[in-house]
Amino acid sequence: NMTRADDIQREQSELKKELESIQSQCKHVKQTIRWSANENNYKWECDECLLRLRYPTISEINEYLT
Protein backbone atom coordinates (compact mmCIF):
# COMPACT_ATOMS: atom_id res chain seq x y z
CA ASN A 1 0.00 0.00 0.00
CA MET A 2 1.82 3.07 -1.32
CA THR A 3 1.40 6.27 0.65
CA ARG A 4 1.91 9.82 -0.59
CA ALA A 5 5.20 9.86 1.34
CA ASP A 6 6.34 6.80 -0.66
CA ASP A 7 5.39 8.61 -3.87
CA ILE A 8 7.35 11.70 -2.84
CA GLN A 9 10.46 9.69 -1.95
CA ARG A 10 10.27 7.82 -5.28
CA GLU A 11 9.86 11.10 -7.20
CA GLN A 12 12.79 12.68 -5.31
CA SER A 13 14.97 9.70 -6.18
CA GLU A 14 14.02 9.93 -9.87
CA LEU A 15 14.63 13.69 -9.93
CA LYS A 16 18.01 13.26 -8.20
CA LYS A 17 19.05 10.73 -10.90
CA GLU A 18 17.89 13.14 -13.63
CA LEU A 19 19.85 16.02 -12.07
CA GLU A 20 22.98 13.85 -11.79
CA SER A 21 22.62 12.93 -15.46
CA ILE A 22 22.29 16.61 -16.47
CA GLN A 23 25.30 17.54 -14.33
CA SER A 24 27.46 14.72 -15.68
CA GLN A 25 26.79 15.80 -19.29
CA CYS A 26 27.18 19.54 -18.67
CA LYS A 27 30.33 21.31 -19.89
CA HIS A 28 30.20 23.86 -16.98
CA VAL A 29 31.00 26.71 -19.37
CA LYS A 30 29.83 29.57 -17.14
CA GLN A 31 30.73 29.38 -13.45
CA THR A 32 30.13 31.73 -10.55
CA ILE A 33 31.51 31.82 -7.02
CA ARG A 34 28.66 31.36 -4.57
CA TRP A 35 28.38 31.13 -0.80
CA SER A 36 27.30 27.70 0.44
CA ALA A 37 25.46 28.11 3.74
CA ASN A 38 25.36 24.32 4.21
CA GLU A 39 29.13 24.02 3.92
CA ASN A 40 29.84 27.48 5.37
CA ASN A 41 32.25 28.38 2.56
CA TYR A 42 32.51 29.61 -1.03
CA LYS A 43 32.34 27.27 -4.01
CA TRP A 44 32.55 27.63 -7.77
CA GLU A 45 29.15 26.57 -9.11
CA CYS A 46 28.04 25.93 -12.68
CA ASP A 47 25.41 28.49 -13.70
CA GLU A 48 23.61 25.98 -15.91
CA CYS A 49 23.49 22.70 -13.95
CA LEU A 50 24.20 24.13 -10.45
CA LEU A 51 26.90 21.56 -9.69
CA ARG A 52 29.37 22.68 -7.02
CA LEU A 53 32.69 22.29 -8.77
CA ARG A 54 35.61 23.31 -6.58
CA TYR A 55 36.77 25.62 -3.83
CA PRO A 56 37.98 29.03 -5.06
CA THR A 57 41.46 30.24 -4.19
CA ILE A 58 41.93 33.07 -1.69
CA SER A 59 42.68 35.49 -4.54
CA GLU A 60 39.53 34.39 -6.41
CA ILE A 61 37.44 35.02 -3.28
CA ASN A 62 39.04 38.45 -2.75
CA GLU A 63 38.36 39.37 -6.38
CA TYR A 64 34.75 38.16 -6.02
CA LEU A 65 34.20 40.22 -2.86
CA THR A 66 35.57 43.47 -4.31
PDB file of N, CA and C in Angstrom:
ATOM      1  N   ASN A   1       0.844  -1.190   0.000  1.00  0.00           N
ATOM      2  CA  ASN A   1       0.000   0.000   0.000  1.00  0.00           C
ATOM      3  C   ASN A   1       0.883   1.245   0.000  1.00  0.00           C
ATOM      4  N   MET A   2       0.957   1.895  -1.164  1.00  0.00           N
ATOM      5  CA  MET A   2       1.818   3.072  -1.324  1.00  0.00           C
ATOM      6  C   MET A   2       1.155   4.322  -0.734  1.00  0.00           C
ATOM      7  N   THR A   3       1.898   5.020   0.074  1.00  0.00           N
ATOM      8  CA  THR A   3       1.402   6.266   0.649  1.00  0.00           C
ATOM      9  C   THR A   3       1.925   7.444  -0.174  1.00  0.00           C
ATOM     10  N   ARG A   4       1.423   8.612   0.087  1.00  0.00           N
ATOM     11  CA  ARG A   4       1.913   9.821  -0.586  1.00  0.00           C
ATOM     12  C   ARG A   4       3.393  10.038  -0.272  1.00  0.00           C
ATOM     13  N   ALA A   5       3.786   9.731   0.967  1.00  0.00           N
ATOM     14  CA  ALA A   5       5.201   9.860   1.344  1.00  0.00           C
ATOM     15  C   ALA A   5       6.071   8.936   0.485  1.00  0.00           C
ATOM     16  N   ASP A   6       5.595   7.715   0.225  1.00  0.00           N
ATOM     17  CA  ASP A   6       6.335   6.797  -0.657  1.00  0.00           C
ATOM     18  C   ASP A   6       6.480   7.398  -2.052  1.00  0.00           C
ATOM     19  N   ASP A   7       5.370   7.977  -2.543  1.00  0.00           N
ATOM     20  CA  ASP A   7       5.394   8.606  -3.870  1.00  0.00           C
ATOM     21  C   ASP A   7       6.419   9.731  -3.915  1.00  0.00           C
ATOM     22  N   ILE A   8       6.425  10.564  -2.889  1.00  0.00           N
ATOM     23  CA  ILE A   8       7.350  11.700  -2.843  1.00  0.00           C
ATOM     24  C   ILE A   8       8.795  11.214  -2.823  1.00  0.00           C
ATOM     25  N   GLN A   9       9.091  10.211  -2.013  1.00  0.00           N
ATOM     26  CA  GLN A   9      10.464   9.688  -1.951  1.00  0.00           C
ATOM     27  C   GLN A   9      10.886   9.101  -3.293  1.00  0.00           C
ATOM     28  N   ARG A  10       9.971   8.402  -3.976  1.00  0.00           N
ATOM     29  CA  ARG A  10      10.273   7.823  -5.280  1.00  0.00           C
ATOM     30  C   ARG A  10      10.533   8.942  -6.287  1.00  0.00           C
ATOM     31  N   GLU A  11       9.684   9.973  -6.286  1.00  0.00           N
ATOM     32  CA  GLU A  11       9.859  11.105  -7.195  1.00  0.00           C
ATOM     33  C   GLU A  11      11.180  11.833  -6.927  1.00  0.00           C
ATOM     34  N   GLN A  12      11.520  12.026  -5.658  1.00  0.00           N
ATOM     35  CA  GLN A  12      12.785  12.684  -5.313  1.00  0.00           C
ATOM     36  C   GLN A  12      13.961  11.877  -5.848  1.00  0.00           C
ATOM     37  N   SER A  13      13.897  10.562  -5.708  1.00  0.00           N
ATOM     38  CA  SER A  13      14.971   9.698  -6.185  1.00  0.00           C
ATOM     39  C   SER A  13      15.115   9.809  -7.701  1.00  0.00           C
ATOM     40  N   GLU A  14      13.986   9.804  -8.412  1.00  0.00           N
ATOM     41  CA  GLU A  14      14.024   9.928  -9.871  1.00  0.00           C
ATOM     42  C   GLU A  14      14.572  11.288 -10.294  1.00  0.00           C
ATOM     43  N   LEU A  15      14.152  12.354  -9.605  1.00  0.00           N
ATOM     44  CA  LEU A  15      14.632  13.695  -9.929  1.00  0.00           C
ATOM     45  C   LEU A  15      16.123  13.828  -9.641  1.00  0.00           C
ATOM     46  N   LYS A  16      16.589  13.218  -8.544  1.00  0.00           N
ATOM     47  CA  LYS A  16      18.015  13.260  -8.203  1.00  0.00           C
ATOM     48  C   LYS A  16      18.838  12.582  -9.303  1.00  0.00           C
ATOM     49  N   LYS A  17      18.351  11.430  -9.813  1.00  0.00           N
ATOM     50  CA  LYS A  17      19.046  10.733 -10.897  1.00  0.00           C
ATOM     51  C   LYS A  17      19.065  11.583 -12.161  1.00  0.00           C
ATOM     52  N   GLU A  18      17.951  12.267 -12.448  1.00  0.00           N
ATOM     53  CA  GLU A  18      17.887  13.135 -13.627  1.00  0.00           C
ATOM     54  C   GLU A  18      18.866  14.299 -13.488  1.00  0.00           C
ATOM     55  N   LEU A  19      18.917  14.915 -12.313  1.00  0.00           N
ATOM     56  CA  LEU A  19      19.847  16.017 -12.071  1.00  0.00           C
ATOM     57  C   LEU A  19      21.291  15.540 -12.220  1.00  0.00           C
ATOM     58  N   GLU A  20      21.626  14.386 -11.666  1.00  0.00           N
ATOM     59  CA  GLU A  20      22.983  13.849 -11.786  1.00  0.00           C
ATOM     60  C   GLU A  20      23.344  13.611 -13.247  1.00  0.00           C
ATOM     61  N   SER A  21      22.377  13.152 -14.038  1.00  0.00           N
ATOM     62  CA  SER A  21      22.619  12.932 -15.460  1.00  0.00           C
ATOM     63  C   SER A  21      22.890  14.254 -16.172  1.00  0.00           C
ATOM     64  N   ILE A  22      22.083  15.276 -15.884  1.00  0.00           N
ATOM     65  CA  ILE A  22      22.286  16.606 -16.469  1.00  0.00           C
ATOM     66  C   ILE A  22      23.656  17.142 -16.081  1.00  0.00           C
ATOM     67  N   GLN A  23      24.019  17.017 -14.809  1.00  0.00           N
ATOM     68  CA  GLN A  23      25.300  17.537 -14.327  1.00  0.00           C
ATOM     69  C   GLN A  23      26.475  16.795 -14.930  1.00  0.00           C
ATOM     70  N   SER A  24      26.334  15.489 -15.135  1.00  0.00           N
ATOM     71  CA  SER A  24      27.462  14.724 -15.684  1.00  0.00           C
ATOM     72  C   SER A  24      27.694  15.032 -17.156  1.00  0.00           C
ATOM     73  N   GLN A  25      26.654  15.478 -17.868  1.00  0.00           N
ATOM     74  CA  GLN A  25      26.786  15.795 -19.293  1.00  0.00           C
ATOM     75  C   GLN A  25      27.108  17.269 -19.542  1.00  0.00           C
ATOM     76  N   CYS A  26      26.966  18.097 -18.536  1.00  0.00           N
ATOM     77  CA  CYS A  26      27.176  19.540 -18.669  1.00  0.00           C
ATOM     78  C   CYS A  26      28.658  19.863 -18.849  1.00  0.00           C
ATOM     79  N   LYS A  27      28.937  20.887 -19.655  1.00  0.00           N
ATOM     80  CA  LYS A  27      30.327  21.314 -19.891  1.00  0.00           C
ATOM     81  C   LYS A  27      30.780  22.366 -18.872  1.00  0.00           C
ATOM     82  N   HIS A  28      29.877  22.867 -18.022  1.00  0.00           N
ATOM     83  CA  HIS A  28      30.197  23.855 -16.978  1.00  0.00           C
ATOM     84  C   HIS A  28      30.908  25.079 -17.563  1.00  0.00           C
ATOM     85  N   VAL A  29      30.359  25.600 -18.649  1.00  0.00           N
ATOM     86  CA  VAL A  29      30.998  26.709 -19.366  1.00  0.00           C
ATOM     87  C   VAL A  29      31.021  27.979 -18.523  1.00  0.00           C
ATOM     88  N   LYS A  30      29.901  28.340 -17.941  1.00  0.00           N
ATOM     89  CA  LYS A  30      29.829  29.570 -17.136  1.00  0.00           C
ATOM     90  C   LYS A  30      29.738  29.195 -15.664  1.00  0.00           C
ATOM     91  N   GLN A  31      30.675  29.708 -14.878  1.00  0.00           N
ATOM     92  CA  GLN A  31      30.733  29.384 -13.450  1.00  0.00           C
ATOM     93  C   GLN A  31      30.761  30.671 -12.633  1.00  0.00           C
ATOM     94  N   THR A  32      30.178  30.592 -11.455  1.00  0.00           N
ATOM     95  CA  THR A  32      30.129  31.732 -10.545  1.00  0.00           C
ATOM     96  C   THR A  32      30.510  31.259  -9.150  1.00  0.00           C
ATOM     97  N   ILE A  33      31.225  32.123  -8.422  1.00  0.00           N
ATOM     98  CA  ILE A  33      31.512  31.820  -7.017  1.00  0.00           C
ATOM     99  C   ILE A  33      30.259  32.119  -6.213  1.00  0.00           C
ATOM    100  N   ARG A  34      29.840  31.157  -5.413  1.00  0.00           N
ATOM    101  CA  ARG A  34      28.659  31.356  -4.570  1.00  0.00           C
ATOM    102  C   ARG A  34      28.959  30.881  -3.152  1.00  0.00           C
ATOM    103  N   TRP A  35      28.278  31.520  -2.200  1.00  0.00           N
ATOM    104  CA  TRP A  35      28.379  31.132  -0.799  1.00  0.00           C
ATOM    105  C   TRP A  35      27.508  29.909  -0.570  1.00  0.00           C
ATOM    106  N   SER A  36      28.054  28.894   0.080  1.00  0.00           N
ATOM    107  CA  SER A  36      27.300  27.700   0.443  1.00  0.00           C
ATOM    108  C   SER A  36      27.044  27.733   1.945  1.00  0.00           C
ATOM    109  N   ALA A  37      25.814  28.042   2.314  1.00  0.00           N
ATOM    110  CA  ALA A  37      25.465  28.106   3.740  1.00  0.00           C
ATOM    111  C   ALA A  37      25.597  26.731   4.397  1.00  0.00           C
ATOM    112  N   ASN A  38      25.261  25.682   3.656  1.00  0.00           N
ATOM    113  CA  ASN A  38      25.360  24.320   4.210  1.00  0.00           C
ATOM    114  C   ASN A  38      26.800  23.975   4.578  1.00  0.00           C
ATOM    115  N   GLU A  39      27.723  24.358   3.706  1.00  0.00           N
ATOM    116  CA  GLU A  39      29.133  24.021   3.922  1.00  0.00           C
ATOM    117  C   GLU A  39      29.902  25.163   4.581  1.00  0.00           C
ATOM    118  N   ASN A  40      29.239  26.308   4.717  1.00  0.00           N
ATOM    119  CA  ASN A  40      29.843  27.477   5.367  1.00  0.00           C
ATOM    120  C   ASN A  40      31.133  27.921   4.675  1.00  0.00           C
ATOM    121  N   ASN A  41      31.097  27.911   3.328  1.00  0.00           N
ATOM    122  CA  ASN A  41      32.251  28.382   2.562  1.00  0.00           C
ATOM    123  C   ASN A  41      31.819  28.737   1.143  1.00  0.00           C
ATOM    124  N   TYR A  42      32.763  29.273   0.366  1.00  0.00           N
ATOM    125  CA  TYR A  42      32.506  29.612  -1.026  1.00  0.00           C
ATOM    126  C   TYR A  42      32.831  28.427  -1.916  1.00  0.00           C
ATOM    127  N   LYS A  43      32.084  28.316  -3.020  1.00  0.00           N
ATOM    128  CA  LYS A  43      32.342  27.274  -4.009  1.00  0.00           C
ATOM    129  C   LYS A  43      32.112  27.857  -5.396  1.00  0.00           C
ATOM    130  N   TRP A  44      32.866  27.365  -6.376  1.00  0.00           N
ATOM    131  CA  TRP A  44      32.551  27.632  -7.767  1.00  0.00           C
ATOM    132  C   TRP A  44      31.377  26.732  -8.121  1.00  0.00           C
ATOM    133  N   GLU A  45      30.351  27.329  -8.755  1.00  0.00           N
ATOM    134  CA  GLU A  45      29.154  26.569  -9.108  1.00  0.00           C
ATOM    135  C   GLU A  45      28.827  26.826 -10.572  1.00  0.00           C
ATOM    136  N   CYS A  46      28.443  25.793 -11.286  1.00  0.00           N
ATOM    137  CA  CYS A  46      28.041  25.926 -12.679  1.00  0.00           C
ATOM    138  C   CYS A  46      26.708  26.667 -12.739  1.00  0.00           C
ATOM    139  N   ASP A  47      26.641  27.705 -13.578  1.00  0.00           N
ATOM    140  CA  ASP A  47      25.415  28.495 -13.699  1.00  0.00           C
ATOM    141  C   ASP A  47      24.289  27.714 -14.369  1.00  0.00           C
ATOM    142  N   GLU A  48      24.636  26.719 -15.172  1.00  0.00           N
ATOM    143  CA  GLU A  48      23.611  25.977 -15.909  1.00  0.00           C
ATOM    144  C   GLU A  48      23.070  24.787 -15.109  1.00  0.00           C
ATOM    145  N   CYS A  49      23.953  23.937 -14.606  1.00  0.00           N
ATOM    146  CA  CYS A  49      23.486  22.702 -13.948  1.00  0.00           C
ATOM    147  C   CYS A  49      23.557  22.777 -12.429  1.00  0.00           C
ATOM    148  N   LEU A  50      24.124  23.869 -11.888  1.00  0.00           N
ATOM    149  CA  LEU A  50      24.198  24.130 -10.448  1.00  0.00           C
ATOM    150  C   LEU A  50      25.104  23.175  -9.673  1.00  0.00           C
ATOM    151  N   LEU A  51      25.967  22.453 -10.374  1.00  0.00           N
ATOM    152  CA  LEU A  51      26.901  21.564  -9.693  1.00  0.00           C
ATOM    153  C   LEU A  51      27.966  22.391  -8.984  1.00  0.00           C
ATOM    154  N   ARG A  52      28.262  22.045  -7.753  1.00  0.00           N
ATOM    155  CA  ARG A  52      29.373  22.679  -7.025  1.00  0.00           C
ATOM    156  C   ARG A  52      30.652  22.016  -7.509  1.00  0.00           C
ATOM    157  N   LEU A  53      31.552  22.838  -8.033  1.00  0.00           N
ATOM    158  CA  LEU A  53      32.685  22.293  -8.767  1.00  0.00           C
ATOM    159  C   LEU A  53      33.969  22.209  -7.954  1.00  0.00           C
ATOM    160  N   ARG A  54      34.340  23.311  -7.313  1.00  0.00           N
ATOM    161  CA  ARG A  54      35.609  23.311  -6.577  1.00  0.00           C
ATOM    162  C   ARG A  54      35.619  24.502  -5.634  1.00  0.00           C
ATOM    163  N   TYR A  55      36.570  24.488  -4.724  1.00  0.00           N
ATOM    164  CA  TYR A  55      36.768  25.624  -3.828  1.00  0.00           C
ATOM    165  C   TYR A  55      37.567  26.693  -4.551  1.00  0.00           C
ATOM    166  N   PRO A  56      37.172  27.959  -4.457  1.00  0.00           N
ATOM    167  CA  PRO A  56      37.978  29.028  -5.059  1.00  0.00           C
ATOM    168  C   PRO A  56      39.242  29.278  -4.235  1.00  0.00           C
ATOM    169  N   THR A  57      40.241  29.853  -4.902  1.00  0.00           N
ATOM    170  CA  THR A  57      41.463  30.243  -4.192  1.00  0.00           C
ATOM    171  C   THR A  57      41.171  31.512  -3.389  1.00  0.00           C
ATOM    172  N   ILE A  58      42.067  31.841  -2.486  1.00  0.00           N
ATOM    173  CA  ILE A  58      41.926  33.067  -1.691  1.00  0.00           C
ATOM    174  C   ILE A  58      41.844  34.289  -2.609  1.00  0.00           C
ATOM    175  N   SER A  59      42.695  34.331  -3.630  1.00  0.00           N
ATOM    176  CA  SER A  59      42.677  35.486  -4.539  1.00  0.00           C
ATOM    177  C   SER A  59      41.374  35.545  -5.329  1.00  0.00           C
ATOM    178  N   GLU A  60      40.819  34.408  -5.714  1.00  0.00           N
ATOM    179  CA  GLU A  60      39.530  34.395  -6.410  1.00  0.00           C
ATOM    180  C   GLU A  60      38.411  34.915  -5.498  1.00  0.00           C
ATOM    181  N   ILE A  61      38.444  34.536  -4.240  1.00  0.00           N
ATOM    182  CA  ILE A  61      37.437  35.016  -3.284  1.00  0.00           C
ATOM    183  C   ILE A  61      37.578  36.522  -3.092  1.00  0.00           C
ATOM    184  N   ASN A  62      38.816  37.004  -2.921  1.00  0.00           N
ATOM    185  CA  ASN A  62      39.044  38.446  -2.747  1.00  0.00           C
ATOM    186  C   ASN A  62      38.549  39.231  -3.959  1.00  0.00           C
ATOM    187  N   GLU A  63      38.805  38.716  -5.152  1.00  0.00           N
ATOM    188  CA  GLU A  63      38.361  39.371  -6.376  1.00  0.00           C
ATOM    189  C   GLU A  63      36.824  39.377  -6.430  1.00  0.00           C
ATOM    190  N   TYR A  64      36.209  38.272  -6.036  1.00  0.00           N
ATOM    191  CA  TYR A  64      34.751  38.161  -6.023  1.00  0.00           C
ATOM    192  C   TYR A  64      34.119  39.157  -5.051  1.00  0.00           C
ATOM    193  N   LEU A  65      34.759  39.364  -3.908  1.00  0.00           N
ATOM    194  CA  LEU A  65      34.204  40.220  -2.859  1.00  0.00           C
ATOM    195  C   LEU A  65      34.404  41.712  -3.127  1.00  0.00           C
ATOM    196  N   THR A  66      35.304  42.048  -4.054  1.00  0.00           N
ATOM    197  CA  THR A  66      35.571  43.472  -4.314  1.00  0.00           C
ATOM    198  C   THR A  66      34.887  43.957  -5.577  1.00  0.00           C
TER     199      THR A  66
END
